[in-house]
């Protein structure tokens, strides 16, 4: 079970509200530094997470590739 007071719990709540997230936004909005580890935590609990690579422009005007995560299915039956 995922605690609502944990980083994984905050991330799950964010997803359940219909939002997606990338690594920078996870740090700024949710205080999660290791987003990929929290994604693995959710997947270990049966959640299906969609991962999409996107190209964005950074503050220096350069192209950068980021991964954006979103919840596909709330939980897979065990």
PDB file of N, CA and C in Angstrom:
ATOM      1  N   UNK A   1       0.843  -1.188   0.000  1.00  0.00           N
ATOM      2  CA  UNK A   1       0.000   0.000   0.000  1.00  0.00           C
ATOM      3  C   UNK A   1       0.883   1.245   0.000  1.00  0.00           C
ATOM      4  N   UNK A   2       0.471   2.224  -0.751  1.00  0.00           N
ATOM      5  CA  UNK A   2       1.244   3.456  -0.868  1.00  0.00           C
ATOM      6  C   UNK A   2       0.696   4.491   0.117  1.00  0.00           C
ATOM      7  N   UNK A   3       1.576   5.007   0.954  1.00  0.00           N
ATOM      8  CA  UNK A   3       1.194   6.022   1.928  1.00  0.00           C
ATOM      9  C   UNK A   3       0.950   7.351   1.222  1.00  0.00           C
ATOM     10  N   UNK A   4      -0.104   8.027   1.590  1.00  0.00           N
ATOM     11  CA  UNK A   4      -0.415   9.328   0.996  1.00  0.00           C
ATOM     12  C   UNK A   4       0.608  10.387   1.385  1.00  0.00           C
ATOM     13  N   UNK A   5       1.355  10.137   2.454  1.00  0.00           N
ATOM     14  CA  UNK A   5       2.356  11.091   2.922  1.00  0.00           C
ATOM     15  C   UNK A   5       3.725  10.860   2.305  1.00  0.00           C
ATOM     16  N   UNK A   6       3.834   9.881   1.416  1.00  0.00           N
ATOM     17  CA  UNK A   6       5.113   9.564   0.786  1.00  0.00           C
ATOM     18  C   UNK A   6       5.232  10.283  -0.561  1.00  0.00           C
ATOM     19  N   UNK A   7       6.431  10.271  -1.114  1.00  0.00           N
ATOM     20  CA  UNK A   7       6.621  10.853  -2.440  1.00  0.00           C
ATOM     21  C   UNK A   7       5.793  10.107  -3.478  1.00  0.00           C
ATOM     22  N   UNK A   8       5.775   8.788  -3.407  1.00  0.00           N
ATOM     23  CA  UNK A   8       4.973   7.995  -4.345  1.00  0.00           C
ATOM     24  C   UNK A   8       3.492   8.332  -4.187  1.00  0.00           C
ATOM     25  N   UNK A   9       3.050   8.557  -2.959  1.00  0.00           N
ATOM     26  CA  UNK A   9       1.660   8.927  -2.707  1.00  0.00           C
ATOM     27  C   UNK A   9       1.315  10.281  -3.298  1.00  0.00           C
ATOM     28  N   UNK A  10       2.220  11.248  -3.161  1.00  0.00           N
ATOM     29  CA  UNK A  10       1.998  12.570  -3.771  1.00  0.00           C
ATOM     30  C   UNK A  10       1.942  12.456  -5.289  1.00  0.00           C
ATOM     31  N   UNK A  11       2.823  11.631  -5.852  1.00  0.00           N
ATOM     32  CA  UNK A  11       2.846  11.439  -7.295  1.00  0.00           C
ATOM     33  C   UNK A  11       1.560  10.772  -7.776  1.00  0.00           C
ATOM     34  N   UNK A  12       1.119   9.749  -7.076  1.00  0.00           N
ATOM     35  CA  UNK A  12      -0.114   9.061  -7.438  1.00  0.00           C
ATOM     36  C   UNK A  12      -1.302  10.022  -7.391  1.00  0.00           C
ATOM     37  N   UNK A  13      -1.383  10.832  -6.362  1.00  0.00           N
ATOM     38  CA  UNK A  13      -2.459  11.821  -6.243  1.00  0.00           C
ATOM     39  C   UNK A  13      -2.427  12.795  -7.429  1.00  0.00           C
ATOM     40  N   UNK A  14      -1.242  13.226  -7.809  1.00  0.00           N
ATOM     41  CA  UNK A  14      -1.062  14.120  -8.959  1.00  0.00           C
ATOM     42  C   UNK A  14      -1.613  13.466 -10.225  1.00  0.00           C
ATOM     43  N   UNK A  15      -1.250  12.194 -10.433  1.00  0.00           N
ATOM     44  CA  UNK A  15      -1.745  11.452 -11.594  1.00  0.00           C
ATOM     45  C   UNK A  15      -3.260  11.266 -11.538  1.00  0.00           C
ATOM     46  N   UNK A  16      -3.785  10.945 -10.373  1.00  0.00           N
ATOM     47  CA  UNK A  16      -5.227  10.710 -10.230  1.00  0.00           C
ATOM     48  C   UNK A  16      -6.045  11.960 -10.524  1.00  0.00           C
ATOM     49  N   UNK A  17      -5.426  13.117 -10.394  1.00  0.00           N
ATOM     50  CA  UNK A  17      -6.100  14.369 -10.732  1.00  0.00           C
ATOM     51  C   UNK A  17      -6.067  14.640 -12.238  1.00  0.00           C
ATOM     52  N   UNK A  18      -5.433  13.723 -12.985  1.00  0.00           N
ATOM     53  CA  UNK A  18      -5.412  13.842 -14.433  1.00  0.00           C
ATOM     54  C   UNK A  18      -4.204  14.559 -15.008  1.00  0.00           C
ATOM     55  N   UNK A  19      -3.204  14.819 -14.166  1.00  0.00           N
ATOM     56  CA  UNK A  19      -2.023  15.534 -14.628  1.00  0.00           C
ATOM     57  C   UNK A  19      -0.913  14.583 -15.045  1.00  0.00           C
ATOM     58  N   UNK A  20      -0.078  15.039 -15.959  1.00  0.00           N
ATOM     59  CA  UNK A  20       1.155  14.339 -16.302  1.00  0.00           C
ATOM     60  C   UNK A  20       2.292  15.102 -15.630  1.00  0.00           C
ATOM     61  N   UNK A  21       3.522  14.550 -15.712  1.00  0.00           N
ATOM     62  CA  UNK A  21       4.639  15.207 -15.044  1.00  0.00           C
ATOM     63  C   UNK A  21       5.955  14.807 -15.692  1.00  0.00           C
ATOM     64  N   UNK A  22       6.929  15.693 -15.615  1.00  0.00           N
ATOM     65  CA  UNK A  22       8.288  15.383 -16.043  1.00  0.00           C
ATOM     66  C   UNK A  22       9.218  15.589 -14.845  1.00  0.00           C
ATOM     67  N   UNK A  23      10.478  15.291 -15.024  1.00  0.00           N
ATOM     68  CA  UNK A  23      11.417  15.295 -13.902  1.00  0.00           C
ATOM     69  C   UNK A  23      11.534  16.667 -13.215  1.00  0.00           C
ATOM     70  N   UNK A  24      11.633  17.735 -13.996  1.00  0.00           N
ATOM     71  CA  UNK A  24      11.775  19.068 -13.410  1.00  0.00           C
ATOM     72  C   UNK A  24      10.522  19.466 -12.633  1.00  0.00           C
ATOM     73  N   UNK A  25       9.353  19.226 -13.220  1.00  0.00           N
ATOM     74  CA  UNK A  25       8.103  19.565 -12.534  1.00  0.00           C
ATOM     75  C   UNK A  25       7.914  18.731 -11.270  1.00  0.00           C
ATOM     76  N   UNK A  26       8.374  17.472 -11.292  1.00  0.00           N
ATOM     77  CA  UNK A  26       8.273  16.627 -10.099  1.00  0.00           C
ATOM     78  C   UNK A  26       9.081  17.217  -8.956  1.00  0.00           C
ATOM     79  N   UNK A  27      10.244  17.732  -9.270  1.00  0.00           N
ATOM     80  CA  UNK A  27      11.083  18.350  -8.234  1.00  0.00           C
ATOM     81  C   UNK A  27      10.449  19.631  -7.709  1.00  0.00           C
ATOM     82  N   UNK A  28      10.011  20.484  -8.618  1.00  0.00           N
ATOM     83  CA  UNK A  28       9.456  21.779  -8.223  1.00  0.00           C
ATOM     84  C   UNK A  28       8.100  21.637  -7.528  1.00  0.00           C
ATOM     85  N   UNK A  29       7.193  20.865  -8.109  1.00  0.00           N
ATOM     86  CA  UNK A  29       5.823  20.793  -7.612  1.00  0.00           C
ATOM     87  C   UNK A  29       5.639  19.813  -6.465  1.00  0.00           C
ATOM     88  N   UNK A  30       6.367  18.692  -6.504  1.00  0.00           N
ATOM     89  CA  UNK A  30       6.107  17.624  -5.538  1.00  0.00           C
ATOM     90  C   UNK A  30       7.290  17.309  -4.630  1.00  0.00           C
ATOM     91  N   UNK A  31       8.430  17.956  -4.851  1.00  0.00           N
ATOM     92  CA  UNK A  31       9.603  17.690  -4.025  1.00  0.00           C
ATOM     93  C   UNK A  31      10.211  16.318  -4.275  1.00  0.00           C
ATOM     94  N   UNK A  32      10.021  15.789  -5.471  1.00  0.00           N
ATOM     95  CA  UNK A  32      10.532  14.466  -5.815  1.00  0.00           C
ATOM     96  C   UNK A  32      11.765  14.639  -6.692  1.00  0.00           C
ATOM     97  N   UNK A  33      12.934  14.237  -6.170  1.00  0.00           N
ATOM     98  CA  UNK A  33      14.184  14.364  -6.911  1.00  0.00           C
ATOM     99  C   UNK A  33      14.402  13.177  -7.844  1.00  0.00           C
ATOM    100  N   UNK A  34      14.085  11.984  -7.399  1.00  0.00           N
ATOM    101  CA  UNK A  34      14.271  10.772  -8.208  1.00  0.00           C
ATOM    102  C   UNK A  34      12.923  10.280  -8.742  1.00  0.00           C
ATOM    103  N   UNK A  35      12.402  10.966  -9.747  1.00  0.00           N
ATOM    104  CA  UNK A  35      11.090  10.633 -10.301  1.00  0.00           C
ATOM    105  C   UNK A  35      11.048   9.209 -10.826  1.00  0.00           C
ATOM    106  N   UNK A  36      12.088   8.776 -11.515  1.00  0.00           N
ATOM    107  CA  UNK A  36      12.075   7.428 -12.085  1.00  0.00           C
ATOM    108  C   UNK A  36      11.940   6.357 -11.006  1.00  0.00           C
ATOM    109  N   UNK A  37      12.524   6.588  -9.839  1.00  0.00           N
ATOM    110  CA  UNK A  37      12.397   5.628  -8.731  1.00  0.00           C
ATOM    111  C   UNK A  37      10.962   5.576  -8.219  1.00  0.00           C
ATOM    112  N   UNK A  38      10.291   6.715  -8.168  1.00  0.00           N
ATOM    113  CA  UNK A  38       8.902   6.734  -7.715  1.00  0.00           C
ATOM    114  C   UNK A  38       7.986   6.092  -8.762  1.00  0.00           C
ATOM    115  N   UNK A  39       8.313   6.246 -10.031  1.00  0.00           N
ATOM    116  CA  UNK A  39       7.563   5.578 -11.094  1.00  0.00           C
ATOM    117  C   UNK A  39       7.681   4.072 -10.916  1.00  0.00           C
ATOM    118  N   UNK A  40       8.886   3.584 -10.648  1.00  0.00           N
ATOM    119  CA  UNK A  40       9.111   2.158 -10.414  1.00  0.00           C
ATOM    120  C   UNK A  40       8.306   1.687  -9.201  1.00  0.00           C
ATOM    121  N   UNK A  41       8.245   2.501  -8.142  1.00  0.00           N
ATOM    122  CA  UNK A  41       7.438   2.159  -6.963  1.00  0.00           C
ATOM    123  C   UNK A  41       5.976   1.959  -7.341  1.00  0.00           C
ATOM    124  N   UNK A  42       5.427   2.879  -8.111  1.00  0.00           N
ATOM    125  CA  UNK A  42       4.019   2.778  -8.511  1.00  0.00           C
ATOM    126  C   UNK A  42       3.790   1.555  -9.392  1.00  0.00           C
ATOM    127  N   UNK A  43       4.707   1.307 -10.316  1.00  0.00           N
ATOM    128  CA  UNK A  43       4.573   0.136 -11.179  1.00  0.00           C
ATOM    129  C   UNK A  43       4.641  -1.158 -10.371  1.00  0.00           C
ATOM    130  N   UNK A  44       5.457  -1.188  -9.343  1.00  0.00           N
ATOM    131  CA  UNK A  44       5.557  -2.369  -8.480  1.00  0.00           C
ATOM    132  C   UNK A  44       4.247  -2.628  -7.736  1.00  0.00           C
ATOM    133  N   UNK A  45       3.441  -1.581  -7.568  1.00  0.00           N
ATOM    134  CA  UNK A  45       2.133  -1.716  -6.916  1.00  0.00           C
ATOM    135  C   UNK A  45       1.014  -1.948  -7.928  1.00  0.00           C
ATOM    136  N   UNK A  46       1.370  -2.181  -9.200  1.00  0.00           N
ATOM    137  CA  UNK A  46       0.376  -2.531 -10.201  1.00  0.00           C
ATOM    138  C   UNK A  46      -0.150  -1.397 -11.054  1.00  0.00           C
ATOM    139  N   UNK A  47       0.346  -0.193 -10.868  1.00  0.00           N
ATOM    140  CA  UNK A  47      -0.109   0.934 -11.683  1.00  0.00           C
ATOM    141  C   UNK A  47       0.605   0.908 -13.026  1.00  0.00           C
ATOM    142  N   UNK A  48      -0.093   1.297 -14.075  1.00  0.00           N
ATOM    143  CA  UNK A  48       0.489   1.343 -15.406  1.00  0.00           C
ATOM    144  C   UNK A  48       0.744   2.806 -15.752  1.00  0.00           C
ATOM    145  N   UNK A  49       1.999   3.114 -16.014  1.00  0.00           N
ATOM    146  CA  UNK A  49       2.424   4.486 -16.270  1.00  0.00           C
ATOM    147  C   UNK A  49       2.825   4.627 -17.733  1.00  0.00           C
ATOM    148  N   UNK A  50       2.268   5.635 -18.386  1.00  0.00           N
ATOM    149  CA  UNK A  50       2.623   5.939 -19.774  1.00  0.00           C
ATOM    150  C   UNK A  50       3.859   6.831 -19.759  1.00  0.00           C
ATOM    151  N   UNK A  51       4.826   6.508 -20.609  1.00  0.00           N
ATOM    152  CA  UNK A  51       6.068   7.285 -20.729  1.00  0.00           C
ATOM    153  C   UNK A  51       6.173   7.792 -22.152  1.00  0.00           C
ATOM    154  N   UNK A  52       6.319   9.091 -22.304  1.00  0.00           N
ATOM    155  CA  UNK A  52       6.409   9.683 -23.635  1.00  0.00           C
ATOM    156  C   UNK A  52       7.594  10.641 -23.702  1.00  0.00           C
ATOM    157  N   UNK A  53       8.467  10.419 -24.682  1.00  0.00           N
ATOM    158  CA  UNK A  53       9.607  11.315 -24.898  1.00  0.00           C
ATOM    159  C   UNK A  53       9.113  12.532 -25.673  1.00  0.00           C
ATOM    160  N   UNK A  54       9.513  13.715 -25.211  1.00  0.00           N
ATOM    161  CA  UNK A  54       9.129  14.960 -25.865  1.00  0.00           C
ATOM    162  C   UNK A  54      10.358  15.832 -26.041  1.00  0.00           C
ATOM    163  N   UNK A  55      10.342  16.633 -27.077  1.00  0.00           N
ATOM    164  CA  UNK A  55      11.404  17.603 -27.295  1.00  0.00           C
ATOM    165  C   UNK A  55      10.893  18.967 -26.841  1.00  0.00           C
ATOM    166  N   UNK A  56      11.667  19.618 -25.990  1.00  0.00           N
ATOM    167  CA  UNK A  56      11.317  20.933 -25.476  1.00  0.00           C
ATOM    168  C   UNK A  56      12.482  21.881 -25.733  1.00  0.00           C
ATOM    169  N   UNK A  57      12.214  23.159 -25.570  1.00  0.00           N
ATOM    170  CA  UNK A  57      13.268  24.162 -25.688  1.00  0.00           C
ATOM    171  C   UNK A  57      13.640  24.618 -24.286  1.00  0.00           C
ATOM    172  N   UNK A  58      14.935  24.551 -23.967  1.00  0.00           N
ATOM    173  CA  UNK A  58      15.365  24.971 -22.633  1.00  0.00           C
ATOM    174  C   UNK A  58      15.518  26.486 -22.568  1.00  0.00           C
ATOM    175  N   UNK A  59      15.913  26.987 -21.431  1.00  0.00           N
ATOM    176  CA  UNK A  59      15.996  28.437 -21.235  1.00  0.00           C
ATOM    177  C   UNK A  59      17.088  29.100 -22.073  1.00  0.00           C
ATOM    178  N   UNK A  60      17.967  28.300 -22.670  1.00  0.00           N
ATOM    179  CA  UNK A  60      19.022  28.822 -23.523  1.00  0.00           C
ATOM    180  C   UNK A  60      18.647  28.750 -25.001  1.00  0.00           C
ATOM    181  N   UNK A  61      17.400  28.344 -25.272  1.00  0.00           N
ATOM    182  CA  UNK A  61      16.930  28.231 -26.638  1.00  0.00           C
ATOM    183  C   UNK A  61      17.362  26.948 -27.329  1.00  0.00           C
ATOM    184  N   UNK A  62      17.890  26.002 -26.566  1.00  0.00           N
ATOM    185  CA  UNK A  62      18.364  24.740 -27.121  1.00  0.00           C
ATOM    186  C   UNK A  62      17.278  23.675 -27.013  1.00  0.00           C
ATOM    187  N   UNK A  63      17.292  22.735 -27.942  1.00  0.00           N
ATOM    188  CA  UNK A  63      16.361  21.613 -27.896  1.00  0.00           C
ATOM    189  C   UNK A  63      16.867  20.600 -26.869  1.00  0.00           C
ATOM    190  N   UNK A  64      15.952  20.067 -26.088  1.00  0.00           N
ATOM    191  CA  UNK A  64      16.275  19.046 -25.092  1.00  0.00           C
ATOM    192  C   UNK A  64      15.166  18.003 -25.105  1.00  0.00           C
ATOM    193  N   UNK A  65      15.529  16.778 -24.777  1.00  0.00           N
ATOM    194  CA  UNK A  65      14.572  15.687 -24.738  1.00  0.00           C
ATOM    195  C   UNK A  65      14.221  15.373 -23.284  1.00  0.00           C
ATOM    196  N   UNK A  66      12.924  15.258 -23.001  1.00  0.00           N
ATOM    197  CA  UNK A  66      12.469  14.926 -21.650  1.00  0.00           C
ATOM    198  C   UNK A  66      11.448  13.795 -21.740  1.00  0.00           C
ATOM    199  N   UNK A  67      11.255  13.106 -20.645  1.00  0.00           N
ATOM    200  CA  UNK A  67      10.214  12.090 -20.566  1.00  0.00           C
ATOM    201  C   UNK A  67       9.067  12.641 -19.736  1.00  0.00           C
ATOM    202  N   UNK A  68       7.862  12.519 -20.267  1.00  0.00           N
ATOM    203  CA  UNK A  68       6.671  12.937 -19.537  1.00  0.00           C
ATOM    204  C   UNK A  68       5.893  11.683 -19.163  1.00  0.00           C
ATOM    205  N   UNK A  69       5.489  11.609 -17.906  1.00  0.00           N
ATOM    206  CA  UNK A  69       4.802  10.442 -17.361  1.00  0.00           C
ATOM    207  C   UNK A  69       3.354  10.775 -17.064  1.00  0.00           C
ATOM    208  N   UNK A  70       2.477   9.792 -17.271  1.00  0.00           N
ATOM    209  CA  UNK A  70       1.070   9.939 -16.897  1.00  0.00           C
ATOM    210  C   UNK A  70       0.522   8.566 -16.525  1.00  0.00           C
ATOM    211  N   UNK A  71      -0.566   8.568 -15.796  1.00  0.00           N
ATOM    212  CA  UNK A  71      -1.202   7.334 -15.348  1.00  0.00           C
ATOM    213  C   UNK A  71      -2.134   6.827 -16.439  1.00  0.00           C
ATOM    214  N   UNK A  72      -1.935   5.572 -16.852  1.00  0.00           N
ATOM    215  CA  UNK A  72      -2.817   4.961 -17.851  1.00  0.00           C
ATOM    216  C   UNK A  72      -3.968   4.260 -17.166  1.00  0.00           C
ATOM    217  N   UNK A  73      -3.641   3.437 -16.223  1.00  0.00           N
ATOM    218  CA  UNK A  73      -4.646   2.614 -15.556  1.00  0.00           C
ATOM    219  C   UNK A  73      -4.356   2.668 -14.068  1.00  0.00           C
ATOM    220  N   UNK A  74      -5.396   2.857 -13.273  1.00  0.00           N
ATOM    221  CA  UNK A  74      -5.186   3.055 -11.854  1.00  0.00           C
ATOM    222  C   UNK A  74      -4.529   1.893 -11.154  1.00  0.00           C
ATOM    223  N   UNK A  75      -4.906   0.659 -11.466  1.00  0.00           N
ATOM    224  CA  UNK A  75      -4.263  -0.467 -10.831  1.00  0.00           C
ATOM    225  C   UNK A  75      -4.639  -1.740 -11.549  1.00  0.00           C
ATOM    226  N   UNK A  76      -3.649  -2.591 -11.721  1.00  0.00           N
ATOM    227  CA  UNK A  76      -3.867  -3.885 -12.346  1.00  0.00           C
ATOM    228  C   UNK A  76      -4.263  -4.864 -11.272  1.00  0.00           C
ATOM    229  N   UNK A  77      -5.267  -5.665 -11.540  1.00  0.00           N
ATOM    230  CA  UNK A  77      -5.694  -6.679 -10.565  1.00  0.00           C
ATOM    231  C   UNK A  77      -4.583  -7.696 -10.359  1.00  0.00           C
ATOM    232  N   UNK A  78      -4.384  -8.079  -9.123  1.00  0.00           N
ATOM    233  CA  UNK A  78      -3.310  -9.027  -8.813  1.00  0.00           C
ATOM    234  C   UNK A  78      -3.702 -10.450  -9.132  1.00  0.00           C
TER     235      UNK A  78
END
